[in-house]
Amino acid sequence: MATREDVVMALRRAQELSDQYWHCLDHPVSRLASGNTWTGPAADAFAGELTRRRSEVWRGLRDIIDELRDMLARMPPENGAAR
C-alpha cells in the first residue's frame, strides 16, 4: 500500500507532467485551424481527430491529478508529533 509520502510525490510528478504536456498540441491544432497549413476534407478530418486527442490528453491529466488528490484526502494525516 502506498504511503502518504508516495502519493504526495506522485501528485507532484503528475502536476509537473501536466504542466509540461497540457499545451503540447495547441500549436498544431491552431496551425490546422488557420487553414494556411493544409486544407481539404482529409485536413478537416485530421484536425478534428487531433482536437479530440488533445481533449483526451487534458481529460487524462485532470483525471490522474484528481484521483491522486482524492486518494490523498482519504489517507490519514501523518503523525509528525515528537514522541
PDB file of N, CA and C in Angstrom:
ATOM      1  N   MET A   1       0.843  -1.179   0.000  1.00  0.00           N
ATOM      2  CA  MET A   1       0.000   0.000   0.000  1.00  0.00           C
ATOM      3  C   MET A   1       0.889   1.244   0.000  1.00  0.00           C
ATOM      4  N   ALA A   2       0.487   2.229  -0.739  1.00  0.00           N
ATOM      5  CA  ALA A   2       1.270   3.454  -0.861  1.00  0.00           C
ATOM      6  C   ALA A   2       1.192   4.273   0.422  1.00  0.00           C
ATOM      7  N   THR A   3       2.297   4.884   0.755  1.00  0.00           N
ATOM      8  CA  THR A   3       2.310   5.780   1.904  1.00  0.00           C
ATOM      9  C   THR A   3       1.833   7.155   1.459  1.00  0.00           C
ATOM     10  N   ARG A   4       1.520   7.990   2.423  1.00  0.00           N
ATOM     11  CA  ARG A   4       1.118   9.358   2.122  1.00  0.00           C
ATOM     12  C   ARG A   4       2.220  10.071   1.332  1.00  0.00           C
ATOM     13  N   GLU A   5       3.453   9.844   1.737  1.00  0.00           N
ATOM     14  CA  GLU A   5       4.584  10.466   1.032  1.00  0.00           C
ATOM     15  C   GLU A   5       4.647  10.011  -0.430  1.00  0.00           C
ATOM     16  N   ASP A   6       4.382   8.727  -0.674  1.00  0.00           N
ATOM     17  CA  ASP A   6       4.363   8.210  -2.044  1.00  0.00           C
ATOM     18  C   ASP A   6       3.313   8.932  -2.886  1.00  0.00           C
ATOM     19  N   VAL A   7       2.133   9.122  -2.303  1.00  0.00           N
ATOM     20  CA  VAL A   7       1.043   9.767  -3.041  1.00  0.00           C
ATOM     21  C   VAL A   7       1.361  11.236  -3.277  1.00  0.00           C
ATOM     22  N   VAL A   8       1.935  11.903  -2.293  1.00  0.00           N
ATOM     23  CA  VAL A   8       2.324  13.312  -2.462  1.00  0.00           C
ATOM     24  C   VAL A   8       3.362  13.428  -3.586  1.00  0.00           C
ATOM     25  N   MET A   9       4.335  12.525  -3.588  1.00  0.00           N
ATOM     26  CA  MET A   9       5.362  12.561  -4.639  1.00  0.00           C
ATOM     27  C   MET A   9       4.748  12.274  -6.010  1.00  0.00           C
ATOM     28  N   ALA A  10       3.824  11.327  -6.078  1.00  0.00           N
ATOM     29  CA  ALA A  10       3.154  11.014  -7.341  1.00  0.00           C
ATOM     30  C   ALA A  10       2.322  12.200  -7.820  1.00  0.00           C
ATOM     31  N   LEU A  11       1.649  12.873  -6.899  1.00  0.00           N
ATOM     32  CA  LEU A  11       0.854  14.045  -7.255  1.00  0.00           C
ATOM     33  C   LEU A  11       1.745  15.160  -7.794  1.00  0.00           C
ATOM     34  N   ARG A  12       2.851  15.403  -7.142  1.00  0.00           N
ATOM     35  CA  ARG A  12       3.788  16.432  -7.629  1.00  0.00           C
ATOM     36  C   ARG A  12       4.272  16.100  -9.031  1.00  0.00           C
ATOM     37  N   ARG A  13       4.626  14.837  -9.250  1.00  0.00           N
ATOM     38  CA  ARG A  13       5.105  14.423 -10.568  1.00  0.00           C
ATOM     39  C   ARG A  13       4.009  14.556 -11.608  1.00  0.00           C
ATOM     40  N   ALA A  14       2.802  14.174 -11.267  1.00  0.00           N
ATOM     41  CA  ALA A  14       1.679  14.297 -12.202  1.00  0.00           C
ATOM     42  C   ALA A  14       1.425  15.758 -12.546  1.00  0.00           C
ATOM     43  N   GLN A  15       1.534  16.638 -11.566  1.00  0.00           N
ATOM     44  CA  GLN A  15       1.341  18.061 -11.826  1.00  0.00           C
ATOM     45  C   GLN A  15       2.453  18.615 -12.728  1.00  0.00           C
ATOM     46  N   GLU A  16       3.681  18.147 -12.515  1.00  0.00           N
ATOM     47  CA  GLU A  16       4.794  18.563 -13.381  1.00  0.00           C
ATOM     48  C   GLU A  16       4.545  18.114 -14.821  1.00  0.00           C
ATOM     49  N   LEU A  17       4.133  16.867 -14.986  1.00  0.00           N
ATOM     50  CA  LEU A  17       3.860  16.353 -16.323  1.00  0.00           C
ATOM     51  C   LEU A  17       2.681  17.074 -16.961  1.00  0.00           C
ATOM     52  N   SER A  18       1.673  17.391 -16.167  1.00  0.00           N
ATOM     53  CA  SER A  18       0.533  18.137 -16.675  1.00  0.00           C
ATOM     54  C   SER A  18       0.978  19.509 -17.173  1.00  0.00           C
ATOM     55  N   ASP A  19       1.795  20.179 -16.378  1.00  0.00           N
ATOM     56  CA  ASP A  19       2.315  21.489 -16.793  1.00  0.00           C
ATOM     57  C   ASP A  19       3.116  21.370 -18.088  1.00  0.00           C
ATOM     58  N   GLN A  20       3.870  20.291 -18.210  1.00  0.00           N
ATOM     59  CA  GLN A  20       4.726  20.090 -19.376  1.00  0.00           C
ATOM     60  C   GLN A  20       3.922  19.754 -20.633  1.00  0.00           C
ATOM     61  N   TYR A  21       2.873  18.951 -20.496  1.00  0.00           N
ATOM     62  CA  TYR A  21       2.174  18.445 -21.670  1.00  0.00           C
ATOM     63  C   TYR A  21       0.807  19.070 -21.947  1.00  0.00           C
ATOM     64  N   TRP A  22       0.317  19.915 -21.068  1.00  0.00           N
ATOM     65  CA  TRP A  22      -1.032  20.484 -21.235  1.00  0.00           C
ATOM     66  C   TRP A  22      -1.196  21.172 -22.585  1.00  0.00           C
ATOM     67  N   HIS A  23      -0.194  21.895 -23.010  1.00  0.00           N
ATOM     68  CA  HIS A  23      -0.311  22.692 -24.243  1.00  0.00           C
ATOM     69  C   HIS A  23       0.438  22.068 -25.426  1.00  0.00           C
ATOM     70  N   CYS A  24       0.839  20.805 -25.319  1.00  0.00           N
ATOM     71  CA  CYS A  24       1.671  20.191 -26.357  1.00  0.00           C
ATOM     72  C   CYS A  24       1.006  20.142 -27.732  1.00  0.00           C
ATOM     73  N   LEU A  25      -0.304  20.096 -27.790  1.00  0.00           N
ATOM     74  CA  LEU A  25      -0.989  20.022 -29.085  1.00  0.00           C
ATOM     75  C   LEU A  25      -1.640  21.343 -29.496  1.00  0.00           C
ATOM     76  N   ASP A  26      -1.490  22.384 -28.688  1.00  0.00           N
ATOM     77  CA  ASP A  26      -2.117  23.668 -29.018  1.00  0.00           C
ATOM     78  C   ASP A  26      -1.623  24.240 -30.345  1.00  0.00           C
ATOM     79  N   HIS A  27      -0.322  24.252 -30.538  1.00  0.00           N
ATOM     80  CA  HIS A  27       0.241  24.846 -31.755  1.00  0.00           C
ATOM     81  C   HIS A  27      -0.197  24.083 -33.008  1.00  0.00           C
ATOM     82  N   PRO A  28      -0.069  22.756 -33.041  1.00  0.00           N
ATOM     83  CA  PRO A  28      -0.538  22.045 -34.236  1.00  0.00           C
ATOM     84  C   PRO A  28      -2.040  22.239 -34.502  1.00  0.00           C
ATOM     85  N   VAL A  29      -2.846  22.247 -33.443  1.00  0.00           N
ATOM     86  CA  VAL A  29      -4.290  22.444 -33.623  1.00  0.00           C
ATOM     87  C   VAL A  29      -4.566  23.833 -34.198  1.00  0.00           C
ATOM     88  N   SER A  30      -3.905  24.851 -33.673  1.00  0.00           N
ATOM     89  CA  SER A  30      -4.151  26.212 -34.169  1.00  0.00           C
ATOM     90  C   SER A  30      -3.623  26.387 -35.593  1.00  0.00           C
ATOM     91  N   ARG A  31      -2.502  25.730 -35.915  1.00  0.00           N
ATOM     92  CA  ARG A  31      -1.985  25.810 -37.289  1.00  0.00           C
ATOM     93  C   ARG A  31      -2.968  25.190 -38.272  1.00  0.00           C
ATOM     94  N   LEU A  32      -3.532  24.041 -37.913  1.00  0.00           N
ATOM     95  CA  LEU A  32      -4.504  23.406 -38.795  1.00  0.00           C
ATOM     96  C   LEU A  32      -5.781  24.233 -38.895  1.00  0.00           C
ATOM     97  N   ALA A  33      -6.194  24.823 -37.798  1.00  0.00           N
ATOM     98  CA  ALA A  33      -7.425  25.621 -37.788  1.00  0.00           C
ATOM     99  C   ALA A  33      -7.279  26.888 -38.623  1.00  0.00           C
ATOM    100  N   SER A  34      -6.055  27.366 -38.792  1.00  0.00           N
ATOM    101  CA  SER A  34      -5.841  28.607 -39.552  1.00  0.00           C
ATOM    102  C   SER A  34      -6.172  28.432 -41.027  1.00  0.00           C
ATOM    103  N   GLY A  35      -6.101  27.201 -41.537  1.00  0.00           N
ATOM    104  CA  GLY A  35      -6.373  26.962 -42.952  1.00  0.00           C
ATOM    105  C   GLY A  35      -5.195  27.287 -43.843  1.00  0.00           C
ATOM    106  N   ASN A  36      -4.087  27.685 -43.254  1.00  0.00           N
ATOM    107  CA  ASN A  36      -2.908  28.036 -44.051  1.00  0.00           C
ATOM    108  C   ASN A  36      -1.906  26.893 -44.167  1.00  0.00           C
ATOM    109  N   THR A  37      -2.136  25.806 -43.458  1.00  0.00           N
ATOM    110  CA  THR A  37      -1.180  24.705 -43.429  1.00  0.00           C
ATOM    111  C   THR A  37      -1.579  23.589 -44.381  1.00  0.00           C
ATOM    112  N   TRP A  38      -2.826  23.190 -44.281  1.00  0.00           N
ATOM    113  CA  TRP A  38      -3.316  22.029 -45.043  1.00  0.00           C
ATOM    114  C   TRP A  38      -4.815  22.203 -45.126  1.00  0.00           C
ATOM    115  N   THR A  39      -5.374  22.040 -46.286  1.00  0.00           N
ATOM    116  CA  THR A  39      -6.813  22.230 -46.454  1.00  0.00           C
ATOM    117  C   THR A  39      -7.427  21.022 -47.154  1.00  0.00           C
ATOM    118  N   GLY A  40      -8.726  20.941 -47.072  1.00  0.00           N
ATOM    119  CA  GLY A  40      -9.452  19.867 -47.730  1.00  0.00           C
ATOM    120  C   GLY A  40     -10.084  18.929 -46.728  1.00  0.00           C
ATOM    121  N   PRO A  41     -10.848  17.976 -47.216  1.00  0.00           N
ATOM    122  CA  PRO A  41     -11.563  17.045 -46.345  1.00  0.00           C
ATOM    123  C   PRO A  41     -10.636  16.231 -45.436  1.00  0.00           C
ATOM    124  N   ALA A  42      -9.520  15.764 -45.977  1.00  0.00           N
ATOM    125  CA  ALA A  42      -8.587  14.985 -45.152  1.00  0.00           C
ATOM    126  C   ALA A  42      -8.001  15.855 -44.047  1.00  0.00           C
ATOM    127  N   ALA A  43      -7.695  17.104 -44.367  1.00  0.00           N
ATOM    128  CA  ALA A  43      -7.161  18.027 -43.366  1.00  0.00           C
ATOM    129  C   ALA A  43      -8.195  18.292 -42.281  1.00  0.00           C
ATOM    130  N   ASP A  44      -9.440  18.473 -42.688  1.00  0.00           N
ATOM    131  CA  ASP A  44     -10.510  18.709 -41.716  1.00  0.00           C
ATOM    132  C   ASP A  44     -10.692  17.502 -40.790  1.00  0.00           C
ATOM    133  N   ALA A  45     -10.650  16.302 -41.372  1.00  0.00           N
ATOM    134  CA  ALA A  45     -10.794  15.085 -40.562  1.00  0.00           C
ATOM    135  C   ALA A  45      -9.625  14.952 -39.595  1.00  0.00           C
ATOM    136  N   PHE A  46      -8.420  15.218 -40.086  1.00  0.00           N
ATOM    137  CA  PHE A  46      -7.238  15.127 -39.230  1.00  0.00           C
ATOM    138  C   PHE A  46      -7.295  16.163 -38.118  1.00  0.00           C
ATOM    139  N   ALA A  47      -7.690  17.392 -38.444  1.00  0.00           N
ATOM    140  CA  ALA A  47      -7.794  18.456 -37.437  1.00  0.00           C
ATOM    141  C   ALA A  47      -8.817  18.087 -36.368  1.00  0.00           C
ATOM    142  N   GLY A  48      -9.933  17.509 -36.781  1.00  0.00           N
ATOM    143  CA  GLY A  48     -10.945  17.083 -35.819  1.00  0.00           C
ATOM    144  C   GLY A  48     -10.423  16.004 -34.893  1.00  0.00           C
ATOM    145  N   GLU A  49      -9.699  15.038 -35.467  1.00  0.00           N
ATOM    146  CA  GLU A  49      -9.126  13.955 -34.658  1.00  0.00           C
ATOM    147  C   GLU A  49      -8.064  14.500 -33.710  1.00  0.00           C
ATOM    148  N   LEU A  50      -7.235  15.410 -34.186  1.00  0.00           N
ATOM    149  CA  LEU A  50      -6.199  15.998 -33.339  1.00  0.00           C
ATOM    150  C   LEU A  50      -6.823  16.787 -32.182  1.00  0.00           C
ATOM    151  N   THR A  51      -7.892  17.498 -32.459  1.00  0.00           N
ATOM    152  CA  THR A  51      -8.590  18.245 -31.414  1.00  0.00           C
ATOM    153  C   THR A  51      -9.186  17.292 -30.384  1.00  0.00           C
ATOM    154  N   ARG A  52      -9.757  16.184 -30.844  1.00  0.00           N
ATOM    155  CA  ARG A  52     -10.295  15.183 -29.911  1.00  0.00           C
ATOM    156  C   ARG A  52      -9.184  14.562 -29.061  1.00  0.00           C
ATOM    157  N   ARG A  53      -8.067  14.296 -29.681  1.00  0.00           N
ATOM    158  CA  ARG A  53      -6.943  13.709 -28.939  1.00  0.00           C
ATOM    159  C   ARG A  53      -6.408  14.691 -27.899  1.00  0.00           C
ATOM    160  N   ARG A  54      -6.378  15.973 -28.241  1.00  0.00           N
ATOM    161  CA  ARG A  54      -5.946  16.983 -27.274  1.00  0.00           C
ATOM    162  C   ARG A  54      -6.895  16.986 -26.085  1.00  0.00           C
ATOM    163  N   SER A  55      -8.173  16.876 -26.338  1.00  0.00           N
ATOM    164  CA  SER A  55      -9.152  16.817 -25.246  1.00  0.00           C
ATOM    165  C   SER A  55      -8.932  15.575 -24.387  1.00  0.00           C
ATOM    166  N   GLU A  56      -8.568  14.456 -25.003  1.00  0.00           N
ATOM    167  CA  GLU A  56      -8.275  13.234 -24.248  1.00  0.00           C
ATOM    168  C   GLU A  56      -7.047  13.412 -23.362  1.00  0.00           C
ATOM    169  N   VAL A  57      -6.032  14.094 -23.878  1.00  0.00           N
ATOM    170  CA  VAL A  57      -4.839  14.371 -23.068  1.00  0.00           C
ATOM    171  C   VAL A  57      -5.237  15.208 -21.865  1.00  0.00           C
ATOM    172  N   TRP A  58      -5.996  16.266 -22.092  1.00  0.00           N
ATOM    173  CA  TRP A  58      -6.427  17.135 -20.985  1.00  0.00           C
ATOM    174  C   TRP A  58      -7.231  16.348 -19.963  1.00  0.00           C
ATOM    175  N   ARG A  59      -8.185  15.545 -20.441  1.00  0.00           N
ATOM    176  CA  ARG A  59      -9.040  14.769 -19.541  1.00  0.00           C
ATOM    177  C   ARG A  59      -8.191  13.773 -18.737  1.00  0.00           C
ATOM    178  N   GLY A  60      -7.267  13.108 -19.392  1.00  0.00           N
ATOM    179  CA  GLY A  60      -6.412  12.150 -18.705  1.00  0.00           C
ATOM    180  C   GLY A  60      -5.548  12.808 -17.640  1.00  0.00           C
ATOM    181  N   LEU A  61      -4.980  13.948 -17.967  1.00  0.00           N
ATOM    182  CA  LEU A  61      -4.155  14.666 -16.986  1.00  0.00           C
ATOM    183  C   LEU A  61      -4.996  15.090 -15.781  1.00  0.00           C
ATOM    184  N   ARG A  62      -6.175  15.639 -16.058  1.00  0.00           N
ATOM    185  CA  ARG A  62      -7.066  16.055 -14.952  1.00  0.00           C
ATOM    186  C   ARG A  62      -7.486  14.859 -14.110  1.00  0.00           C
ATOM    187  N   ASP A  63      -7.829  13.750 -14.771  1.00  0.00           N
ATOM    188  CA  ASP A  63      -8.292  12.560 -14.043  1.00  0.00           C
ATOM    189  C   ASP A  63      -7.212  12.007 -13.125  1.00  0.00           C
ATOM    190  N   ILE A  64      -5.983  11.960 -13.607  1.00  0.00           N
ATOM    191  CA  ILE A  64      -4.888  11.445 -12.783  1.00  0.00           C
ATOM    192  C   ILE A  64      -4.683  12.324 -11.554  1.00  0.00           C
ATOM    193  N   ILE A  65      -4.634  13.624 -11.771  1.00  0.00           N
ATOM    194  CA  ILE A  65      -4.426  14.553 -10.646  1.00  0.00           C
ATOM    195  C   ILE A  65      -5.597  14.488  -9.677  1.00  0.00           C
ATOM    196  N   ASP A  66      -6.816  14.440 -10.187  1.00  0.00           N
ATOM    197  CA  ASP A  66      -7.990  14.345  -9.308  1.00  0.00           C
ATOM    198  C   ASP A  66      -7.970  13.060  -8.494  1.00  0.00           C
ATOM    199  N   GLU A  67      -7.610  11.943  -9.122  1.00  0.00           N
ATOM    200  CA  GLU A  67      -7.561  10.660  -8.418  1.00  0.00           C
ATOM    201  C   GLU A  67      -6.511  10.689  -7.313  1.00  0.00           C
ATOM    202  N   LEU A  68      -5.347  11.253  -7.596  1.00  0.00           N
ATOM    203  CA  LEU A  68      -4.305  11.337  -6.568  1.00  0.00           C
ATOM    204  C   LEU A  68      -4.726  12.263  -5.430  1.00  0.00           C
ATOM    205  N   ARG A  69      -5.384  13.360  -5.752  1.00  0.00           N
ATOM    206  CA  ARG A  69      -5.882  14.264  -4.695  1.00  0.00           C
ATOM    207  C   ARG A  69      -6.927  13.562  -3.836  1.00  0.00           C
ATOM    208  N   ASP A  70      -7.817  12.822  -4.482  1.00  0.00           N
ATOM    209  CA  ASP A  70      -8.839  12.070  -3.733  1.00  0.00           C
ATOM    210  C   ASP A  70      -8.192  11.025  -2.839  1.00  0.00           C
ATOM    211  N   MET A  71      -7.206  10.322  -3.383  1.00  0.00           N
ATOM    212  CA  MET A  71      -6.502   9.305  -2.608  1.00  0.00           C
ATOM    213  C   MET A  71      -5.833   9.940  -1.389  1.00  0.00           C
ATOM    214  N   LEU A  72      -5.207  11.075  -1.603  1.00  0.00           N
ATOM    215  CA  LEU A  72      -4.535  11.782  -0.512  1.00  0.00           C
ATOM    216  C   LEU A  72      -5.541  12.242   0.545  1.00  0.00           C
ATOM    217  N   ALA A  73      -6.692  12.702   0.119  1.00  0.00           N
ATOM    218  CA  ALA A  73      -7.721  13.171   1.051  1.00  0.00           C
ATOM    219  C   ALA A  73      -8.271  12.024   1.906  1.00  0.00           C
ATOM    220  N   ARG A  74      -8.264  10.809   1.369  1.00  0.00           N
ATOM    221  CA  ARG A  74      -8.770   9.647   2.112  1.00  0.00           C
ATOM    222  C   ARG A  74      -7.745   9.066   3.078  1.00  0.00           C
ATOM    223  N   MET A  75      -6.498   9.495   2.928  1.00  0.00           N
ATOM    224  CA  MET A  75      -5.437   8.938   3.783  1.00  0.00           C
ATOM    225  C   MET A  75      -5.376   9.695   5.107  1.00  0.00           C
ATOM    226  N   PRO A  76      -5.070   8.987   6.171  1.00  0.00           N
ATOM    227  CA  PRO A  76      -4.912   9.689   7.447  1.00  0.00           C
ATOM    228  C   PRO A  76      -3.676  10.580   7.396  1.00  0.00           C
ATOM    229  N   PRO A  77      -3.709  11.707   8.092  1.00  0.00           N
ATOM    230  CA  PRO A  77      -2.540  12.585   8.094  1.00  0.00           C
ATOM    231  C   PRO A  77      -1.371  11.882   8.788  1.00  0.00           C
ATOM    232  N   GLU A  78      -0.170  12.242   8.365  1.00  0.00           N
ATOM    233  CA  GLU A  78       0.999  11.673   9.002  1.00  0.00           C
ATOM    234  C   GLU A  78       1.135  12.282  10.382  1.00  0.00           C
ATOM    235  N   ASN A  79       1.560  11.478  11.304  1.00  0.00           N
ATOM    236  CA  ASN A  79       1.765  11.958  12.668  1.00  0.00           C
ATOM    237  C   ASN A  79       3.184  12.478  12.766  1.00  0.00           C
ATOM    238  N   GLY A  80       3.329  13.797  12.766  1.00  0.00           N
ATOM    239  CA  GLY A  80       4.649  14.404  12.828  1.00  0.00           C
ATOM    240  C   GLY A  80       5.019  14.839  14.233  1.00  0.00           C
ATOM    241  N   ALA A  81       4.191  14.479  15.206  1.00  0.00           N
ATOM    242  CA  ALA A  81       4.459  14.899  16.595  1.00  0.00           C
ATOM    243  C   ALA A  81       5.635  14.122  17.171  1.00  0.00           C
ATOM    244  N   ALA A  82       6.390  14.802  17.989  1.00  0.00           N
ATOM    245  CA  ALA A  82       7.532  14.166  18.662  1.00  0.00           C
ATOM    246  C   ALA A  82       7.019  13.185  19.717  1.00  0.00           C
ATOM    247  N   ARG A  83       7.767  12.130  19.925  1.00  0.00           N
ATOM    248  CA  ARG A  83       7.331  11.120  20.896  1.00  0.00           C
ATOM    249  C   ARG A  83       7.887  11.392  22.243  1.00  0.00           C
TER     250      ARG A  83
END
